Amino acid sequence: MKEFDALRVQLELLEWPNVYFFKFILPNEAERIAKVSALFDENADIALHPSGKGKYTSFSVKSVMLNVDEIITIYEKATAIEGVISL
């Protein structure tokens, strides 16, 4: 996917495996939160923070990633979930 080419170039400069920090903004709906959570394994450190009005949730994750492709795959799957914004 071309939208992640610049990210790929930056990430390839790092050594892998490494801890990577993901951040998403999504509607504060249990189904969407569950779908994004399912992209990560049980060892991921997930933090949820609702927006001031409670309409959206900030979804932050620290997880050990084995390589760049693993990160790009998660971003591709996350952006396929309606309403999810990758930061």
PDB file of N, CA and C in Angstrom:
ATOM      1  N   MET A   1       0.842  -1.184   0.000  1.00  0.00           N
ATOM      2  CA  MET A   1       0.000   0.000   0.000  1.00  0.00           C
ATOM      3  C   MET A   1       0.884   1.243   0.000  1.00  0.00           C
ATOM      4  N   LYS A   2       0.709   2.113  -0.946  1.00  0.00           N
ATOM      5  CA  LYS A   2       1.575   3.265  -1.107  1.00  0.00           C
ATOM      6  C   LYS A   2       1.491   4.260   0.043  1.00  0.00           C
ATOM      7  N   GLU A   3       0.357   4.317   0.725  1.00  0.00           N
ATOM      8  CA  GLU A   3       0.229   5.301   1.797  1.00  0.00           C
ATOM      9  C   GLU A   3       1.181   5.022   2.959  1.00  0.00           C
ATOM     10  N   PHE A   4       1.733   3.823   3.052  1.00  0.00           N
ATOM     11  CA  PHE A   4       2.643   3.486   4.137  1.00  0.00           C
ATOM     12  C   PHE A   4       4.097   3.399   3.689  1.00  0.00           C
ATOM     13  N   ASP A   5       4.396   3.775   2.449  1.00  0.00           N
ATOM     14  CA  ASP A   5       5.760   3.689   1.936  1.00  0.00           C
ATOM     15  C   ASP A   5       6.736   4.556   2.725  1.00  0.00           C
ATOM     16  N   ALA A   6       6.357   5.770   3.060  1.00  0.00           N
ATOM     17  CA  ALA A   6       7.239   6.668   3.814  1.00  0.00           C
ATOM     18  C   ALA A   6       7.494   6.108   5.216  1.00  0.00           C
ATOM     19  N   LEU A   7       6.463   5.572   5.835  1.00  0.00           N
ATOM     20  CA  LEU A   7       6.621   4.955   7.153  1.00  0.00           C
ATOM     21  C   LEU A   7       7.568   3.768   7.059  1.00  0.00           C
ATOM     22  N   ARG A   8       7.405   2.966   6.032  1.00  0.00           N
ATOM     23  CA  ARG A   8       8.273   1.792   5.842  1.00  0.00           C
ATOM     24  C   ARG A   8       9.747   2.209   5.772  1.00  0.00           C
ATOM     25  N   VAL A   9      10.037   3.269   5.017  1.00  0.00           N
ATOM     26  CA  VAL A   9      11.419   3.743   4.875  1.00  0.00           C
ATOM     27  C   VAL A   9      11.979   4.144   6.238  1.00  0.00           C
ATOM     28  N   GLN A  10      11.199   4.860   7.033  1.00  0.00           N
ATOM     29  CA  GLN A  10      11.653   5.281   8.363  1.00  0.00           C
ATOM     30  C   GLN A  10      11.881   4.081   9.274  1.00  0.00           C
ATOM     31  N   LEU A  11      10.941   3.142   9.256  1.00  0.00           N
ATOM     32  CA  LEU A  11      11.033   1.989  10.152  1.00  0.00           C
ATOM     33  C   LEU A  11      12.186   1.060   9.789  1.00  0.00           C
ATOM     34  N   GLU A  12      12.542   1.000   8.518  1.00  0.00           N
ATOM     35  CA  GLU A  12      13.633   0.125   8.101  1.00  0.00           C
ATOM     36  C   GLU A  12      14.996   0.594   8.615  1.00  0.00           C
ATOM     37  N   LEU A  13      15.053   1.820   9.132  1.00  0.00           N
ATOM     38  CA  LEU A  13      16.291   2.334   9.716  1.00  0.00           C
ATOM     39  C   LEU A  13      16.518   1.801  11.133  1.00  0.00           C
ATOM     40  N   LEU A  14      15.476   1.256  11.750  1.00  0.00           N
ATOM     41  CA  LEU A  14      15.554   0.748  13.121  1.00  0.00           C
ATOM     42  C   LEU A  14      15.950  -0.722  13.134  1.00  0.00           C
ATOM     43  N   GLU A  15      16.381  -1.191  14.300  1.00  0.00           N
ATOM     44  CA  GLU A  15      16.684  -2.610  14.469  1.00  0.00           C
ATOM     45  C   GLU A  15      15.438  -3.331  14.948  1.00  0.00           C
ATOM     46  N   TRP A  16      15.244  -4.549  14.458  1.00  0.00           N
ATOM     47  CA  TRP A  16      14.057  -5.337  14.821  1.00  0.00           C
ATOM     48  C   TRP A  16      14.479  -6.682  15.357  1.00  0.00           C
ATOM     49  N   PRO A  17      13.752  -7.250  16.325  1.00  0.00           N
ATOM     50  CA  PRO A  17      12.497  -6.776  16.912  1.00  0.00           C
ATOM     51  C   PRO A  17      12.708  -5.549  17.798  1.00  0.00           C
ATOM     52  N   ASN A  18      11.613  -4.806  18.001  1.00  0.00           N
ATOM     53  CA  ASN A  18      11.645  -3.570  18.760  1.00  0.00           C
ATOM     54  C   ASN A  18      10.233  -3.272  19.277  1.00  0.00           C
ATOM     55  N   VAL A  19      10.154  -2.454  20.315  1.00  0.00           N
ATOM     56  CA  VAL A  19       8.849  -2.020  20.812  1.00  0.00           C
ATOM     57  C   VAL A  19       8.371  -0.886  19.911  1.00  0.00           C
ATOM     58  N   TYR A  20       7.117  -0.978  19.476  1.00  0.00           N
ATOM     59  CA  TYR A  20       6.549   0.050  18.605  1.00  0.00           C
ATOM     60  C   TYR A  20       5.300   0.614  19.262  1.00  0.00           C
ATOM     61  N   PHE A  21       5.100   1.920  19.113  1.00  0.00           N
ATOM     62  CA  PHE A  21       3.953   2.616  19.695  1.00  0.00           C
ATOM     63  C   PHE A  21       2.956   2.960  18.590  1.00  0.00           C
ATOM     64  N   PHE A  22       1.760   2.403  18.684  1.00  0.00           N
ATOM     65  CA  PHE A  22       0.672   2.690  17.748  1.00  0.00           C
ATOM     66  C   PHE A  22      -0.306   3.655  18.416  1.00  0.00           C
ATOM     67  N   LYS A  23      -0.929   4.513  17.623  1.00  0.00           N
ATOM     68  CA  LYS A  23      -1.987   5.363  18.149  1.00  0.00           C
ATOM     69  C   LYS A  23      -3.086   5.499  17.101  1.00  0.00           C
ATOM     70  N   PHE A  24      -4.317   5.297  17.555  1.00  0.00           N
ATOM     71  CA  PHE A  24      -5.489   5.394  16.694  1.00  0.00           C
ATOM     72  C   PHE A  24      -6.540   6.245  17.389  1.00  0.00           C
ATOM     73  N   ILE A  25      -7.374   6.882  16.598  1.00  0.00           N
ATOM     74  CA  ILE A  25      -8.569   7.558  17.090  1.00  0.00           C
ATOM     75  C   ILE A  25      -9.736   6.840  16.433  1.00  0.00           C
ATOM     76  N   LEU A  26     -10.743   6.470  17.242  1.00  0.00           N
ATOM     77  CA  LEU A  26     -11.893   5.767  16.696  1.00  0.00           C
ATOM     78  C   LEU A  26     -13.151   6.126  17.451  1.00  0.00           C
ATOM     79  N   PRO A  27     -14.308   5.913  16.823  1.00  0.00           N
ATOM     80  CA  PRO A  27     -15.563   6.162  17.526  1.00  0.00           C
ATOM     81  C   PRO A  27     -15.625   5.320  18.794  1.00  0.00           C
ATOM     82  N   ASN A  28     -16.186   5.880  19.834  1.00  0.00           N
ATOM     83  CA  ASN A  28     -16.271   5.199  21.129  1.00  0.00           C
ATOM     84  C   ASN A  28     -17.403   4.166  21.091  1.00  0.00           C
ATOM     85  N   GLU A  29     -17.152   3.095  20.348  1.00  0.00           N
ATOM     86  CA  GLU A  29     -18.129   2.010  20.194  1.00  0.00           C
ATOM     87  C   GLU A  29     -17.434   0.696  20.506  1.00  0.00           C
ATOM     88  N   ALA A  30     -18.047  -0.128  21.330  1.00  0.00           N
ATOM     89  CA  ALA A  30     -17.436  -1.382  21.786  1.00  0.00           C
ATOM     90  C   ALA A  30     -17.003  -2.276  20.625  1.00  0.00           C
ATOM     91  N   GLU A  31     -17.800  -2.358  19.579  1.00  0.00           N
ATOM     92  CA  GLU A  31     -17.473  -3.229  18.452  1.00  0.00           C
ATOM     93  C   GLU A  31     -16.182  -2.787  17.764  1.00  0.00           C
ATOM     94  N   ARG A  32     -16.032  -1.503  17.533  1.00  0.00           N
ATOM     95  CA  ARG A  32     -14.826  -1.008  16.856  1.00  0.00           C
ATOM     96  C   ARG A  32     -13.598  -1.125  17.759  1.00  0.00           C
ATOM     97  N   ILE A  33     -13.784  -0.840  19.029  1.00  0.00           N
ATOM     98  CA  ILE A  33     -12.682  -0.992  19.984  1.00  0.00           C
ATOM     99  C   ILE A  33     -12.229  -2.451  20.013  1.00  0.00           C
ATOM    100  N   ALA A  34     -13.166  -3.380  20.000  1.00  0.00           N
ATOM    101  CA  ALA A  34     -12.836  -4.813  19.994  1.00  0.00           C
ATOM    102  C   ALA A  34     -12.091  -5.206  18.728  1.00  0.00           C
ATOM    103  N   LYS A  35     -12.506  -4.665  17.587  1.00  0.00           N
ATOM    104  CA  LYS A  35     -11.834  -4.994  16.322  1.00  0.00           C
ATOM    105  C   LYS A  35     -10.389  -4.514  16.315  1.00  0.00           C
ATOM    106  N   VAL A  36     -10.140  -3.322  16.821  1.00  0.00           N
ATOM    107  CA  VAL A  36      -8.776  -2.808  16.867  1.00  0.00           C
ATOM    108  C   VAL A  36      -7.965  -3.598  17.905  1.00  0.00           C
ATOM    109  N   SER A  37      -8.559  -3.898  19.039  1.00  0.00           N
ATOM    110  CA  SER A  37      -7.869  -4.695  20.068  1.00  0.00           C
ATOM    111  C   SER A  37      -7.441  -6.050  19.529  1.00  0.00           C
ATOM    112  N   ALA A  38      -8.269  -6.634  18.671  1.00  0.00           N
ATOM    113  CA  ALA A  38      -7.992  -7.962  18.120  1.00  0.00           C
ATOM    114  C   ALA A  38      -6.770  -7.978  17.196  1.00  0.00           C
ATOM    115  N   LEU A  39      -6.293  -6.813  16.787  1.00  0.00           N
ATOM    116  CA  LEU A  39      -5.103  -6.738  15.932  1.00  0.00           C
ATOM    117  C   LEU A  39      -3.810  -7.015  16.703  1.00  0.00           C
ATOM    118  N   PHE A  40      -3.902  -7.034  18.037  1.00  0.00           N
ATOM    119  CA  PHE A  40      -2.728  -7.167  18.894  1.00  0.00           C
ATOM    120  C   PHE A  40      -2.816  -8.416  19.764  1.00  0.00           C
ATOM    121  N   ASP A  41      -1.664  -8.930  20.157  1.00  0.00           N
ATOM    122  CA  ASP A  41      -1.669 -10.121  21.003  1.00  0.00           C
ATOM    123  C   ASP A  41      -1.865  -9.744  22.470  1.00  0.00           C
ATOM    124  N   GLU A  42      -1.938 -10.765  23.314  1.00  0.00           N
ATOM    125  CA  GLU A  42      -2.232 -10.553  24.738  1.00  0.00           C
ATOM    126  C   GLU A  42      -1.100  -9.848  25.480  1.00  0.00           C
ATOM    127  N   ASN A  43       0.074  -9.750  24.895  1.00  0.00           N
ATOM    128  CA  ASN A  43       1.201  -9.077  25.538  1.00  0.00           C
ATOM    129  C   ASN A  43       1.255  -7.581  25.259  1.00  0.00           C
ATOM    130  N   ALA A  44       0.401  -7.093  24.383  1.00  0.00           N
ATOM    131  CA  ALA A  44       0.393  -5.671  24.037  1.00  0.00           C
ATOM    132  C   ALA A  44      -0.116  -4.843  25.221  1.00  0.00           C
ATOM    133  N   ASP A  45       0.480  -3.673  25.393  1.00  0.00           N
ATOM    134  CA  ASP A  45       0.065  -2.734  26.437  1.00  0.00           C
ATOM    135  C   ASP A  45      -0.899  -1.736  25.794  1.00  0.00           C
ATOM    136  N   ILE A  46      -2.192  -1.909  26.064  1.00  0.00           N
ATOM    137  CA  ILE A  46      -3.237  -1.096  25.438  1.00  0.00           C
ATOM    138  C   ILE A  46      -3.803  -0.103  26.442  1.00  0.00           C
ATOM    139  N   ALA A  47      -3.934   1.152  26.016  1.00  0.00           N
ATOM    140  CA  ALA A  47      -4.523   2.202  26.844  1.00  0.00           C
ATOM    141  C   ALA A  47      -5.617   2.903  26.047  1.00  0.00           C
ATOM    142  N   LEU A  48      -6.780   3.061  26.666  1.00  0.00           N
ATOM    143  CA  LEU A  48      -7.912   3.747  26.035  1.00  0.00           C
ATOM    144  C   LEU A  48      -8.206   5.027  26.804  1.00  0.00           C
ATOM    145  N   HIS A  49      -8.442   6.100  26.059  1.00  0.00           N
ATOM    146  CA  HIS A  49      -8.773   7.384  26.679  1.00  0.00           C
ATOM    147  C   HIS A  49      -9.921   8.017  25.902  1.00  0.00           C
ATOM    148  N   PRO A  50     -11.100   8.121  26.513  1.00  0.00           N
ATOM    149  CA  PRO A  50     -12.227   8.740  25.806  1.00  0.00           C
ATOM    150  C   PRO A  50     -12.008  10.246  25.628  1.00  0.00           C
ATOM    151  N   SER A  51     -12.580  10.788  24.560  1.00  0.00           N
ATOM    152  CA  SER A  51     -12.500  12.233  24.325  1.00  0.00           C
ATOM    153  C   SER A  51     -13.353  12.952  25.366  1.00  0.00           C
ATOM    154  N   GLY A  52     -13.194  14.251  25.416  1.00  0.00           N
ATOM    155  CA  GLY A  52     -13.916  15.054  26.396  1.00  0.00           C
ATOM    156  C   GLY A  52     -15.424  14.867  26.357  1.00  0.00           C
ATOM    157  N   LYS A  53     -15.985  14.761  25.170  1.00  0.00           N
ATOM    158  CA  LYS A  53     -17.429  14.578  25.038  1.00  0.00           C
ATOM    159  C   LYS A  53     -17.817  13.107  24.930  1.00  0.00           C
ATOM    160  N   GLY A  54     -16.830  12.220  24.927  1.00  0.00           N
ATOM    161  CA  GLY A  54     -17.099  10.793  24.911  1.00  0.00           C
ATOM    162  C   GLY A  54     -17.470  10.200  23.568  1.00  0.00           C
ATOM    163  N   LYS A  55     -17.355  10.990  22.510  1.00  0.00           N
ATOM    164  CA  LYS A  55     -17.738  10.497  21.189  1.00  0.00           C
ATOM    165  C   LYS A  55     -16.640   9.629  20.563  1.00  0.00           C
ATOM    166  N   TYR A  56     -15.384   9.920  20.901  1.00  0.00           N
ATOM    167  CA  TYR A  56     -14.249   9.196  20.337  1.00  0.00           C
ATOM    168  C   TYR A  56     -13.376   8.617  21.447  1.00  0.00           C
ATOM    169  N   THR A  57     -12.549   7.665  21.065  1.00  0.00           N
ATOM    170  CA  THR A  57     -11.590   7.068  21.986  1.00  0.00           C
ATOM    171  C   THR A  57     -10.208   7.123  21.360  1.00  0.00           C
ATOM    172  N   SER A  58      -9.232   7.539  22.161  1.00  0.00           N
ATOM    173  CA  SER A  58      -7.837   7.468  21.767  1.00  0.00           C
ATOM    174  C   SER A  58      -7.361   6.081  22.176  1.00  0.00           C
ATOM    175  N   PHE A  59      -6.797   5.359  21.232  1.00  0.00           N
ATOM    176  CA  PHE A  59      -6.408   3.967  21.426  1.00  0.00           C
ATOM    177  C   PHE A  59      -4.906   3.888  21.228  1.00  0.00           C
ATOM    178  N   SER A  60      -4.147   3.712  22.311  1.00  0.00           N
ATOM    179  CA  SER A  60      -2.690   3.674  22.247  1.00  0.00           C
ATOM    180  C   SER A  60      -2.201   2.273  22.597  1.00  0.00           C
ATOM    181  N   VAL A  61      -1.193   1.815  21.868  1.00  0.00           N
ATOM    182  CA  VAL A  61      -0.680   0.461  22.071  1.00  0.00           C
ATOM    183  C   VAL A  61       0.839   0.461  21.991  1.00  0.00           C
ATOM    184  N   LYS A  62       1.473  -0.195  22.966  1.00  0.00           N
ATOM    185  CA  LYS A  62       2.901  -0.501  22.902  1.00  0.00           C
ATOM    186  C   LYS A  62       2.994  -2.008  22.755  1.00  0.00           C
ATOM    187  N   SER A  63       3.703  -2.440  21.718  1.00  0.00           N
ATOM    188  CA  SER A  63       3.804  -3.868  21.462  1.00  0.00           C
ATOM    189  C   SER A  63       5.151  -4.190  20.816  1.00  0.00           C
ATOM    190  N   VAL A  64       5.691  -5.349  21.141  1.00  0.00           N
ATOM    191  CA  VAL A  64       6.927  -5.791  20.511  1.00  0.00           C
ATOM    192  C   VAL A  64       6.588  -6.268  19.105  1.00  0.00           C
ATOM    193  N   MET A  65       7.235  -5.671  18.134  1.00  0.00           N
ATOM    194  CA  MET A  65       7.040  -6.036  16.736  1.00  0.00           C
ATOM    195  C   MET A  65       8.311  -6.698  16.230  1.00  0.00           C
ATOM    196  N   LEU A  66       8.141  -7.740  15.446  1.00  0.00           N
ATOM    197  CA  LEU A  66       9.286  -8.494  14.957  1.00  0.00           C
ATOM    198  C   LEU A  66       9.955  -7.847  13.761  1.00  0.00           C
ATOM    199  N   ASN A  67       9.151  -7.134  12.941  1.00  0.00           N
ATOM    200  CA  ASN A  67       9.710  -6.525  11.732  1.00  0.00           C
ATOM    201  C   ASN A  67       8.778  -5.441  11.208  1.00  0.00           C
ATOM    202  N   VAL A  68       9.233  -4.750  10.204  1.00  0.00           N
ATOM    203  CA  VAL A  68       8.480  -3.640   9.610  1.00  0.00           C
ATOM    204  C   VAL A  68       7.167  -4.127   8.989  1.00  0.00           C
ATOM    205  N   ASP A  69       7.208  -5.273   8.326  1.00  0.00           N
ATOM    206  CA  ASP A  69       6.005  -5.800   7.669  1.00  0.00           C
ATOM    207  C   ASP A  69       4.870  -6.034   8.659  1.00  0.00           C
ATOM    208  N   GLU A  70       5.218  -6.465   9.857  1.00  0.00           N
ATOM    209  CA  GLU A  70       4.200  -6.702  10.889  1.00  0.00           C
ATOM    210  C   GLU A  70       3.488  -5.390  11.252  1.00  0.00           C
ATOM    211  N   ILE A  71       4.232  -4.320  11.338  1.00  0.00           N
ATOM    212  CA  ILE A  71       3.650  -3.006  11.662  1.00  0.00           C
ATOM    213  C   ILE A  71       2.750  -2.527  10.528  1.00  0.00           C
ATOM    214  N   ILE A  72       3.233  -2.599   9.311  1.00  0.00           N
ATOM    215  CA  ILE A  72       2.449  -2.154   8.155  1.00  0.00           C
ATOM    216  C   ILE A  72       1.157  -2.956   8.041  1.00  0.00           C
ATOM    217  N   THR A  73       1.222  -4.253   8.286  1.00  0.00           N
ATOM    218  CA  THR A  73       0.019  -5.097   8.233  1.00  0.00           C
ATOM    219  C   THR A  73      -1.015  -4.636   9.241  1.00  0.00           C
ATOM    220  N   ILE A  74      -0.593  -4.297  10.452  1.00  0.00           N
ATOM    221  CA  ILE A  74      -1.539  -3.815  11.462  1.00  0.00           C
ATOM    222  C   ILE A  74      -2.177  -2.512  11.011  1.00  0.00           C
ATOM    223  N   TYR A  75      -1.374  -1.590  10.481  1.00  0.00           N
ATOM    224  CA  TYR A  75      -1.943  -0.332   9.994  1.00  0.00           C
ATOM    225  C   TYR A  75      -2.938  -0.560   8.854  1.00  0.00           C
ATOM    226  N   GLU A  76      -2.624  -1.462   7.949  1.00  0.00           N
ATOM    227  CA  GLU A  76      -3.540  -1.752   6.840  1.00  0.00           C
ATOM    228  C   GLU A  76      -4.866  -2.314   7.356  1.00  0.00           C
ATOM    229  N   LYS A  77      -4.795  -3.236   8.300  1.00  0.00           N
ATOM    230  CA  LYS A  77      -6.016  -3.823   8.864  1.00  0.00           C
ATOM    231  C   LYS A  77      -6.809  -2.787   9.662  1.00  0.00           C
ATOM    232  N   ALA A  78      -6.114  -1.927  10.397  1.00  0.00           N
ATOM    233  CA  ALA A  78      -6.802  -0.907  11.200  1.00  0.00           C
ATOM    234  C   ALA A  78      -7.529   0.100  10.320  1.00  0.00           C
ATOM    235  N   THR A  79      -6.891   0.532   9.238  1.00  0.00           N
ATOM    236  CA  THR A  79      -7.535   1.519   8.377  1.00  0.00           C
ATOM    237  C   THR A  79      -8.712   0.925   7.605  1.00  0.00           C
ATOM    238  N   ALA A  80      -8.786  -0.409   7.539  1.00  0.00           N
ATOM    239  CA  ALA A  80      -9.931  -1.060   6.895  1.00  0.00           C
ATOM    240  C   ALA A  80     -11.170  -1.078   7.797  1.00  0.00           C
ATOM    241  N   ILE A  81     -10.979  -0.774   9.087  1.00  0.00           N
ATOM    242  CA  ILE A  81     -12.096  -0.713  10.023  1.00  0.00           C
ATOM    243  C   ILE A  81     -12.705   0.681   9.927  1.00  0.00           C
ATOM    244  N   GLU A  82     -13.976   0.736   9.620  1.00  0.00           N
ATOM    245  CA  GLU A  82     -14.661   2.019   9.403  1.00  0.00           C
ATOM    246  C   GLU A  82     -14.522   2.941  10.616  1.00  0.00           C
ATOM    247  N   GLY A  83     -14.134   4.179  10.352  1.00  0.00           N
ATOM    248  CA  GLY A  83     -14.056   5.198  11.387  1.00  0.00           C
ATOM    249  C   GLY A  83     -12.730   5.282  12.120  1.00  0.00           C
ATOM    250  N   VAL A  84     -11.802   4.380  11.829  1.00  0.00           N
ATOM    251  CA  VAL A  84     -10.511   4.372  12.518  1.00  0.00           C
ATOM    252  C   VAL A  84      -9.532   5.298  11.802  1.00  0.00           C
ATOM    253  N   ILE A  85      -8.883   6.156  12.584  1.00  0.00           N
ATOM    254  CA  ILE A  85      -7.868   7.070  12.067  1.00  0.00           C
ATOM    255  C   ILE A  85      -6.541   6.662  12.690  1.00  0.00           C
ATOM    256  N   SER A  86      -5.548   6.404  11.862  1.00  0.00           N
ATOM    257  CA  SER A  86      -4.201   6.058  12.344  1.00  0.00           C
ATOM    258  C   SER A  86      -3.387   7.323  12.479  1.00  0.00           C
ATOM    259  N   LEU A  87      -2.689   7.440  13.596  1.00  0.00           N
ATOM    260  CA  LEU A  87      -1.837   8.614  13.808  1.00  0.00           C
ATOM    261  C   LEU A  87      -0.383   8.216  13.783  1.00  0.00           C
TER     262      LEU A  87
END
